[in-house]
Amino acid sequence: YEYIRSALKLGLRLDRELGANPFRFGVIGSTDSHTGLATADSDNFWGKFSKDNPHKGRTGEAVLPEPFGPDGVVYRNWQQLASGYAAVWAQDNTRAALFDALARREVYATTGPRMLVRFFGGWHFADGDHHRPDLARTGYANGVPMGGELPPAPDENSVPGFLISAGKDPDGANIERLQVIKGWLGDDGELHETVYDVEVTDRPGDTVDLQHARYSNAVGSPQLATVWRDRDFDPAQAAFYYVRVLEIPTPRWPVYDALFFGDPLPPEGWQKAQQRAYTSAIWYTPP
């Protein structure tokens, strides 16, 4: 239940039972920090609280002064994530335009990198549309953007197509893959989900150097794009789709602290991350 798709799937069931979907929401990211600082990057992380500003030994310090919860768990700073940001596709850089975009759910989240992500769904995309220089214009003309709802299918044999593009953070890591996460309500009333790798770099790899807290963009791709079609589509089943973009592996913030302050590295499994973006969904409702 820690994934967005858990709530999105429940929304499909409630829509069938109640005639309304209370979980048709957009997705943004935020830092959950209490410092007033927009420092959501692993190589520039100033902590979640003022006491966690960069200093020697901070990675091993307790997040809270007392054990947390009924089991007395002690969370350490190295378990906290340097994240995240809200991305908004607004028509103008004005308060009104930003709130309009939020209201129509044309928004997405990242865990820190400033990736540029486009996601459109429709019935009329051509296979090469992701190569067009006017990709966004094509997306709006032939489909709906992230946060929207697919219109009725033009005929019973149609399958939805999705126009997807992601560009790397200009100052960050390359992209490893594009994924589409689909959830649907089966004929038996059961909820289902699956993850499709729809585009993967032809230069995979892991270049993280833990000793020197660095990585190389010799792997991955600066941009990935595709037109993907859901060949498993059933027009009688309610569904949603959203995009997840994964970067190549990079060091987590405690690795940078270890280099700068001489602190121990965090435990294995907490040393690297694949930063990501995830979009608001596009929904399909059967006629």
Protein backbone atom coordinates (compact mmCIF):
# COMPACT_ATOMS: atom_id res chain seq x y z
CA TYR A 1 0.00 0.00 0.00
CA GLU A 2 3.00 2.32 -0.38
CA TYR A 3 2.47 2.83 -4.10
CA ILE A 4 0.18 5.29 -5.84
CA ARG A 5 -1.35 2.49 -7.85
CA SER A 6 -2.89 0.94 -4.73
CA ALA A 7 -5.20 3.94 -4.32
CA LEU A 8 -5.75 4.28 -8.06
CA LYS A 9 -6.91 0.66 -8.23
CA LEU A 10 -9.29 1.11 -5.31
CA GLY A 11 -10.71 4.10 -7.17
CA LEU A 12 -11.66 1.86 -10.09
CA ARG A 13 -13.61 -0.43 -7.78
CA LEU A 14 -15.34 2.43 -5.99
CA ASP A 15 -16.31 3.92 -9.33
CA ARG A 16 -18.10 0.68 -10.22
CA GLU A 17 -19.78 0.43 -6.82
CA LEU A 18 -20.66 4.09 -6.24
CA GLY A 19 -20.60 5.68 -9.66
CA ALA A 20 -17.80 8.05 -8.58
CA ASN A 21 -14.03 7.72 -8.21
CA PRO A 22 -12.70 9.63 -5.17
CA PHE A 23 -9.12 8.65 -6.02
CA ARG A 24 -8.87 10.30 -9.42
CA PHE A 25 -6.07 12.59 -8.26
CA GLY A 26 -2.96 14.17 -9.74
CA VAL A 27 0.55 13.46 -8.53
CA ILE A 28 3.21 15.91 -7.36
CA GLY A 29 6.35 15.56 -5.26
CA SER A 30 7.50 17.66 -2.31
CA THR A 31 10.40 17.60 0.12
CA ASP A 32 8.60 17.09 3.46
CA SER A 33 11.52 19.08 4.87
CA HIS A 34 11.25 21.60 7.70
CA THR A 35 14.19 23.81 6.79
CA GLY A 36 12.68 26.15 4.22
CA LEU A 37 15.38 25.04 1.78
CA ALA A 38 14.72 23.57 -1.67
CA THR A 39 17.60 21.10 -1.42
CA ALA A 40 16.15 17.89 -2.78
CA ASP A 41 19.25 16.67 -4.64
CA SER A 42 21.47 13.95 -3.21
CA ASP A 43 24.62 15.98 -3.87
CA ASN A 44 23.17 19.02 -2.05
CA PHE A 45 21.01 17.65 0.75
CA TRP A 46 20.63 19.83 3.84
CA GLY A 47 18.44 17.46 5.82
CA LYS A 48 14.78 17.35 6.76
CA PHE A 49 15.20 19.37 9.97
CA SER A 50 17.52 22.22 10.94
CA LYS A 51 19.44 19.90 13.26
CA ASP A 52 20.31 17.79 10.21
CA ASN A 53 22.24 20.45 8.30
CA PRO A 54 25.49 18.99 6.93
CA HIS A 55 27.96 18.06 9.68
CA LYS A 56 30.20 15.17 10.57
CA GLY A 57 28.29 12.18 11.90
CA ARG A 58 24.82 13.30 10.86
CA THR A 59 24.12 10.19 8.75
CA GLY A 60 24.15 7.94 11.83
CA GLU A 61 22.18 10.24 14.12
CA ALA A 62 18.60 9.44 15.08
CA VAL A 63 15.87 11.21 13.15
CA LEU A 64 13.86 11.76 16.35
CA PRO A 65 15.17 12.00 19.92
CA GLU A 66 12.91 9.15 21.08
CA PRO A 67 12.12 5.72 19.58
CA PHE A 68 9.24 5.90 17.13
CA GLY A 69 6.01 3.91 17.28
CA PRO A 70 4.83 1.06 19.50
CA ASP A 71 7.80 -1.12 18.50
CA GLY A 72 10.35 1.46 19.60
CA VAL A 73 12.01 1.75 16.20
CA VAL A 74 14.93 4.18 15.92
CA TYR A 75 15.22 5.69 12.45
CA ARG A 76 18.63 6.97 11.37
CA ASN A 77 19.24 9.93 9.09
CA TRP A 78 20.74 7.73 6.37
CA GLN A 79 17.28 6.20 5.96
CA GLN A 80 15.80 9.55 4.89
CA LEU A 81 15.50 10.42 1.22
CA ALA A 82 16.62 13.60 -0.47
CA SER A 83 13.42 14.40 -2.38
CA GLY A 84 11.32 15.63 -4.16
CA TYR A 85 9.89 18.18 -6.61
CA ALA A 86 6.54 19.08 -8.16
CA ALA A 87 6.42 19.55 -11.95
CA VAL A 88 3.52 21.48 -13.46
CA TRP A 89 2.63 21.85 -17.15
CA ALA A 90 1.16 25.36 -16.97
CA GLN A 91 0.40 27.55 -19.98
CA ASP A 92 1.90 30.59 -18.25
CA ASN A 93 4.14 31.22 -15.27
CA THR A 94 1.32 32.77 -13.26
CA ARG A 95 -0.48 31.74 -10.11
CA ALA A 96 -3.75 31.26 -12.03
CA ALA A 97 -2.14 29.10 -14.72
CA LEU A 98 -0.33 26.96 -12.15
CA PHE A 99 -3.53 26.27 -10.23
CA ASP A 100 -5.39 25.55 -13.45
CA ALA A 101 -2.78 22.90 -14.30
CA LEU A 102 -3.03 21.41 -10.82
CA ALA A 103 -6.83 21.27 -11.14
CA ARG A 104 -6.66 19.40 -14.45
CA ARG A 105 -3.93 17.10 -13.00
CA GLU A 106 -1.38 17.92 -15.70
CA VAL A 107 1.40 17.46 -13.16
CA TYR A 108 4.06 14.96 -12.18
CA ALA A 109 6.56 14.25 -9.41
CA THR A 110 10.28 13.62 -9.27
CA THR A 111 12.46 12.37 -6.44
CA GLY A 112 14.90 15.25 -6.96
CA PRO A 113 16.14 15.49 -10.56
CA ARG A 114 14.54 18.04 -12.85
CA MET A 115 13.51 15.63 -15.60
CA LEU A 116 11.25 16.83 -18.41
CA VAL A 117 8.41 14.32 -18.91
CA ARG A 118 5.55 14.29 -21.42
CA PHE A 119 2.74 11.72 -21.40
CA PHE A 120 -0.28 11.65 -23.72
CA GLY A 121 -2.91 8.99 -24.39
CA GLY A 122 -5.19 8.59 -27.38
CA TRP A 123 -6.41 6.44 -30.25
CA HIS A 124 -4.71 8.10 -33.21
CA PHE A 125 -0.97 8.33 -32.53
CA ALA A 126 1.34 7.18 -35.33
CA ASP A 127 4.34 4.98 -34.62
CA GLY A 128 6.85 7.76 -35.32
CA ASP A 129 5.15 10.58 -33.44
CA HIS A 130 7.77 10.47 -30.67
CA HIS A 131 10.38 11.64 -33.20
CA ARG A 132 8.44 14.79 -34.11
CA PRO A 133 9.95 18.14 -33.04
CA ASP A 134 6.43 19.29 -32.17
CA LEU A 135 5.75 16.29 -29.92
CA ALA A 136 3.66 18.25 -27.43
CA ARG A 137 1.53 19.81 -30.16
CA THR A 138 0.95 16.33 -31.60
CA GLY A 139 0.04 15.01 -28.16
CA TYR A 140 -2.57 17.66 -27.48
CA ALA A 141 -4.01 17.42 -30.99
CA ASN A 142 -4.43 13.64 -31.00
CA GLY A 143 -4.92 12.75 -27.35
CA VAL A 144 -5.18 13.83 -23.73
CA PRO A 145 -2.28 14.72 -21.42
CA MET A 146 -1.39 13.21 -18.06
CA GLY A 147 -4.30 13.60 -15.66
CA GLY A 148 -6.89 13.23 -18.42
CA GLU A 149 -9.42 10.60 -19.43
CA LEU A 150 -9.36 8.73 -22.71
CA PRO A 151 -12.34 9.50 -24.94
CA PRO A 152 -14.48 6.60 -26.18
CA ALA A 153 -12.74 4.26 -28.60
CA PRO A 154 -13.51 4.96 -32.26
CA ASP A 155 -14.34 1.29 -32.86
CA GLU A 156 -14.37 -2.05 -31.05
CA ASN A 157 -10.96 -3.07 -32.41
CA SER A 158 -9.10 0.06 -31.29
CA VAL A 159 -6.33 -0.08 -28.69
CA PRO A 160 -5.04 3.00 -26.87
CA GLY A 161 -1.66 4.43 -27.75
CA PHE A 162 0.55 6.49 -25.48
CA LEU A 163 3.04 9.14 -26.56
CA ILE A 164 5.84 9.33 -24.00
CA SER A 165 9.00 11.41 -23.80
CA ALA A 166 11.50 12.04 -21.00
CA GLY A 167 14.62 14.21 -21.00
CA LYS A 168 17.31 14.12 -18.34
CA ASP A 169 18.01 16.82 -15.81
CA PRO A 170 20.54 19.05 -17.62
CA ASP A 171 22.82 18.86 -14.56
CA GLY A 172 21.98 15.28 -13.63
CA ALA A 173 22.14 11.64 -14.63
CA ASN A 174 21.07 9.95 -17.84
CA ILE A 175 17.84 7.97 -18.14
CA GLU A 176 17.76 4.16 -18.05
CA ARG A 177 14.15 3.30 -18.92
CA LEU A 178 10.56 4.36 -19.39
CA GLN A 179 7.84 2.28 -17.77
CA VAL A 180 4.07 2.29 -18.00
CA ILE A 181 2.22 1.12 -14.90
CA LYS A 182 -1.26 -0.15 -15.69
CA GLY A 183 -4.02 -1.02 -13.26
CA TRP A 184 -7.41 -2.44 -14.19
CA LEU A 185 -10.61 -3.88 -12.82
CA GLY A 186 -11.22 -7.41 -14.06
CA ASP A 187 -14.53 -8.88 -15.11
CA ASP A 188 -14.57 -10.80 -11.82
CA GLY A 189 -14.24 -7.61 -9.78
CA GLU A 190 -10.60 -8.28 -8.89
CA LEU A 191 -8.01 -5.51 -9.16
CA HIS A 192 -4.87 -6.09 -11.20
CA GLU A 193 -1.66 -4.27 -12.02
CA THR A 194 1.36 -4.74 -14.26
CA VAL A 195 4.51 -2.83 -15.17
CA TYR A 196 5.67 -2.56 -18.78
CA ASP A 197 9.20 -1.58 -19.78
CA VAL A 198 8.24 0.41 -22.86
CA GLU A 199 11.62 1.92 -23.75
CA VAL A 200 15.06 1.00 -22.40
CA THR A 201 18.42 2.59 -23.13
CA ASP A 202 20.81 0.66 -25.37
CA ARG A 203 23.62 1.62 -22.96
CA PRO A 204 22.69 0.04 -19.61
CA GLY A 205 25.09 -0.11 -16.70
CA ASP A 206 26.11 1.05 -13.24
CA THR A 207 29.03 3.48 -12.98
CA VAL A 208 28.70 4.49 -9.31
CA ASP A 209 32.05 4.95 -7.55
CA LEU A 210 31.23 4.80 -3.85
CA GLN A 211 34.73 5.72 -2.69
CA HIS A 212 34.69 9.01 -4.59
CA ALA A 213 30.89 9.65 -4.57
CA ARG A 214 30.54 9.97 -8.32
CA TYR A 215 29.02 8.40 -11.40
CA SER A 216 29.39 8.72 -15.17
CA ASN A 217 26.90 9.41 -17.93
CA ALA A 218 28.81 6.95 -20.10
CA VAL A 219 25.73 4.76 -19.62
CA GLY A 220 22.06 5.55 -20.10
CA SER A 221 20.53 8.03 -22.53
CA PRO A 222 19.93 11.79 -22.25
CA GLN A 223 16.44 11.29 -23.69
CA LEU A 224 14.07 8.39 -24.27
CA ALA A 225 10.77 8.52 -26.15
CA THR A 226 8.29 6.10 -27.65
CA VAL A 227 4.75 5.45 -28.80
CA TRP A 228 3.48 2.44 -26.84
CA ARG A 229 0.23 0.58 -27.46
CA ASP A 230 -1.59 -1.56 -24.93
CA ARG A 231 -1.99 -4.84 -26.79
CA ASP A 232 -3.63 -6.35 -23.68
CA PHE A 233 -6.41 -3.75 -23.73
CA ASP A 234 -9.97 -4.89 -23.01
CA PRO A 235 -12.57 -2.20 -23.84
CA ALA A 236 -14.93 -3.63 -21.20
CA GLN A 237 -12.46 -3.10 -18.32
CA ALA A 238 -11.82 0.17 -16.48
CA ALA A 239 -8.13 0.99 -16.36
CA PHE A 240 -5.52 3.63 -15.64
CA TYR A 241 -2.00 4.19 -16.94
CA TYR A 242 0.86 6.29 -15.63
CA VAL A 243 4.52 6.66 -16.55
CA ARG A 244 7.58 6.07 -14.39
CA VAL A 245 10.99 7.29 -15.55
CA LEU A 246 14.13 5.73 -14.04
CA GLU A 247 17.58 7.28 -14.08
CA ILE A 248 20.80 5.29 -14.11
CA PRO A 249 22.15 4.43 -10.64
CA THR A 250 23.68 7.35 -8.72
CA PRO A 251 25.09 7.77 -5.18
CA ARG A 252 22.67 8.57 -2.36
CA TRP A 253 23.33 11.61 -0.19
CA PRO A 254 25.04 9.69 2.69
CA VAL A 255 27.74 8.64 0.20
CA TYR A 256 28.56 12.30 -0.46
CA ASP A 257 28.67 12.88 3.30
CA ALA A 258 31.01 9.91 3.71
CA LEU A 259 33.45 11.43 1.23
CA PHE A 260 33.28 14.98 2.60
CA PHE A 261 33.22 14.26 6.35
CA GLY A 262 34.94 10.88 6.45
CA ASP A 263 31.81 9.20 7.84
CA PRO A 264 31.07 5.49 7.34
CA LEU A 265 29.07 4.49 4.29
CA PRO A 266 25.43 3.55 4.93
CA PRO A 267 24.55 -0.16 4.91
CA GLU A 268 24.56 -2.02 1.61
CA GLY A 269 21.31 -1.42 -0.21
CA TRP A 270 21.20 2.20 0.97
CA GLN A 271 24.24 3.43 -0.95
CA LYS A 272 22.81 3.89 -4.44
CA ALA A 273 19.48 4.94 -5.90
CA GLN A 274 17.74 5.20 -9.22
CA GLN A 275 16.08 8.59 -9.04
CA ARG A 276 12.77 8.75 -10.85
CA ALA A 277 9.79 10.69 -12.06
CA TYR A 278 6.20 9.48 -12.01
CA THR A 279 3.27 11.11 -13.73
CA SER A 280 -0.37 11.61 -13.02
CA ALA A 281 -2.47 8.86 -14.57
CA ILE A 282 -4.62 8.72 -17.67
CA TRP A 283 -7.90 6.87 -17.08
CA TYR A 284 -10.09 4.74 -19.31
CA THR A 285 -13.76 4.17 -18.44
CA PRO A 286 -15.82 1.62 -20.42
CA PRO A 287 -18.93 2.95 -22.17
